[in-house]
Amino acid sequence: MLQFIADNIGTIVISALLLAVVIGIIANMAKKKAKGESMSCGCGCSGCPSASICHDQTGQGKN
């Protein structure tokens, strides 16, 4: 078992780093969703040509 780890340490380290990045991205998305922030863009709705698609006339999101 130790020989396998020693032979593949580079792959294991890179895989662990990639997994940490993916978990961080998912956690950030979940946190934004819990706060009610938009996940499609971060620039706000003022001046957005697609604002009417995302929001109805009352200002409440369809999401």
C-alpha atoms as a PDB file:
ATOM      1  CA  MET A   1       0.000   0.000   0.000  1.00  0.00           C
ATOM      2  CA  LEU A   2       2.792   2.433   0.876  1.00  0.00           C
ATOM      3  CA  GLN A   3       4.552   1.634  -2.387  1.00  0.00           C
ATOM      4  CA  PHE A   4       1.373   2.521  -4.326  1.00  0.00           C
ATOM      5  CA  ILE A   5       1.142   5.870  -2.510  1.00  0.00           C
ATOM      6  CA  ALA A   6       4.827   6.582  -3.093  1.00  0.00           C
ATOM      7  CA  ASP A   7       4.521   5.765  -6.800  1.00  0.00           C
ATOM      8  CA  ASN A   8       1.443   7.948  -7.268  1.00  0.00           C
ATOM      9  CA  ILE A   9       2.015  10.849  -4.855  1.00  0.00           C
ATOM     10  CA  GLY A  10       1.873  13.469  -7.613  1.00  0.00           C
ATOM     11  CA  THR A  11      -1.477  12.213  -8.894  1.00  0.00           C
ATOM     12  CA  ILE A  12      -2.851  11.984  -5.366  1.00  0.00           C
ATOM     13  CA  VAL A  13      -1.790  15.546  -4.484  1.00  0.00           C
ATOM     14  CA  ILE A  14      -3.166  17.042  -7.723  1.00  0.00           C
ATOM     15  CA  SER A  15      -6.434  15.122  -7.319  1.00  0.00           C
ATOM     16  CA  ALA A  16      -6.793  16.320  -3.733  1.00  0.00           C
ATOM     17  CA  LEU A  17      -6.211  19.941  -4.792  1.00  0.00           C
ATOM     18  CA  LEU A  18      -8.752  19.693  -7.610  1.00  0.00           C
ATOM     19  CA  LEU A  19     -11.273  18.113  -5.247  1.00  0.00           C
ATOM     20  CA  ALA A  20     -10.751  20.949  -2.751  1.00  0.00           C
ATOM     21  CA  VAL A  21     -11.332  23.543  -5.486  1.00  0.00           C
ATOM     22  CA  VAL A  22     -14.542  21.833  -6.648  1.00  0.00           C
ATOM     23  CA  ILE A  23     -15.831  21.576  -3.070  1.00  0.00           C
ATOM     24  CA  GLY A  24     -15.026  25.269  -2.537  1.00  0.00           C
ATOM     25  CA  ILE A  25     -16.918  26.280  -5.683  1.00  0.00           C
ATOM     26  CA  ILE A  26     -19.965  24.206  -4.699  1.00  0.00           C
ATOM     27  CA  ALA A  27     -19.904  25.621  -1.161  1.00  0.00           C
ATOM     28  CA  ASN A  28     -19.710  29.176  -2.522  1.00  0.00           C
ATOM     29  CA  MET A  29     -22.658  28.533  -4.859  1.00  0.00           C
ATOM     30  CA  ALA A  30     -24.701  27.057  -2.000  1.00  0.00           C
ATOM     31  CA  LYS A  31     -23.895  30.056   0.211  1.00  0.00           C
ATOM     32  CA  LYS A  32     -24.960  32.496  -2.513  1.00  0.00           C
ATOM     33  CA  LYS A  33     -28.176  30.583  -3.123  1.00  0.00           C
ATOM     34  CA  ALA A  34     -28.975  30.622   0.605  1.00  0.00           C
ATOM     35  CA  LYS A  35     -28.492  34.407   0.636  1.00  0.00           C
ATOM     36  CA  GLY A  36     -30.775  34.736  -2.388  1.00  0.00           C
ATOM     37  CA  GLU A  37     -28.095  36.117  -4.665  1.00  0.00           C
ATOM     38  CA  SER A  38     -28.179  35.466  -8.389  1.00  0.00           C
ATOM     39  CA  MET A  39     -25.916  32.694  -9.574  1.00  0.00           C
ATOM     40  CA  SER A  40     -26.136  33.533 -13.268  1.00  0.00           C
ATOM     41  CA  CYS A  41     -24.165  36.763 -13.092  1.00  0.00           C
ATOM     42  CA  GLY A  42     -22.729  38.981 -10.431  1.00  0.00           C
ATOM     43  CA  CYS A  43     -23.295  42.374 -12.013  1.00  0.00           C
ATOM     44  CA  GLY A  44     -26.839  43.141 -10.828  1.00  0.00           C
ATOM     45  CA  CYS A  45     -29.961  43.866 -12.835  1.00  0.00           C
ATOM     46  CA  SER A  46     -29.551  47.567 -13.564  1.00  0.00           C
ATOM     47  CA  GLY A  47     -28.848  47.956 -17.232  1.00  0.00           C
ATOM     48  CA  CYS A  48     -29.127  44.236 -17.926  1.00  0.00           C
ATOM     49  CA  PRO A  49     -30.924  43.531 -21.212  1.00  0.00           C
ATOM     50  CA  SER A  50     -32.236  40.242 -19.799  1.00  0.00           C
ATOM     51  CA  ALA A  51     -33.703  41.683 -16.576  1.00  0.00           C
ATOM     52  CA  SER A  52     -37.261  41.229 -17.840  1.00  0.00           C
ATOM     53  CA  ILE A  53     -36.591  37.538 -18.377  1.00  0.00           C
ATOM     54  CA  CYS A  54     -35.311  37.000 -14.832  1.00  0.00           C
ATOM     55  CA  HIS A  55     -37.838  39.183 -12.978  1.00  0.00           C
ATOM     56  CA  ASP A  56     -41.531  39.873 -13.295  1.00  0.00           C
ATOM     57  CA  GLN A  57     -43.114  43.343 -12.917  1.00  0.00           C
ATOM     58  CA  THR A  58     -43.198  43.160  -9.086  1.00  0.00           C
ATOM     59  CA  GLY A  59     -39.439  42.765  -8.903  1.00  0.00           C
ATOM     60  CA  GLN A  60     -39.646  39.242  -7.540  1.00  0.00           C
ATOM     61  CA  GLY A  61     -37.446  36.730  -9.302  1.00  0.00           C
ATOM     62  CA  LYS A  62     -38.882  33.777 -11.155  1.00  0.00           C
ATOM     63  CA  ASN A  63     -36.040  31.602  -9.886  1.00  0.00           C
END
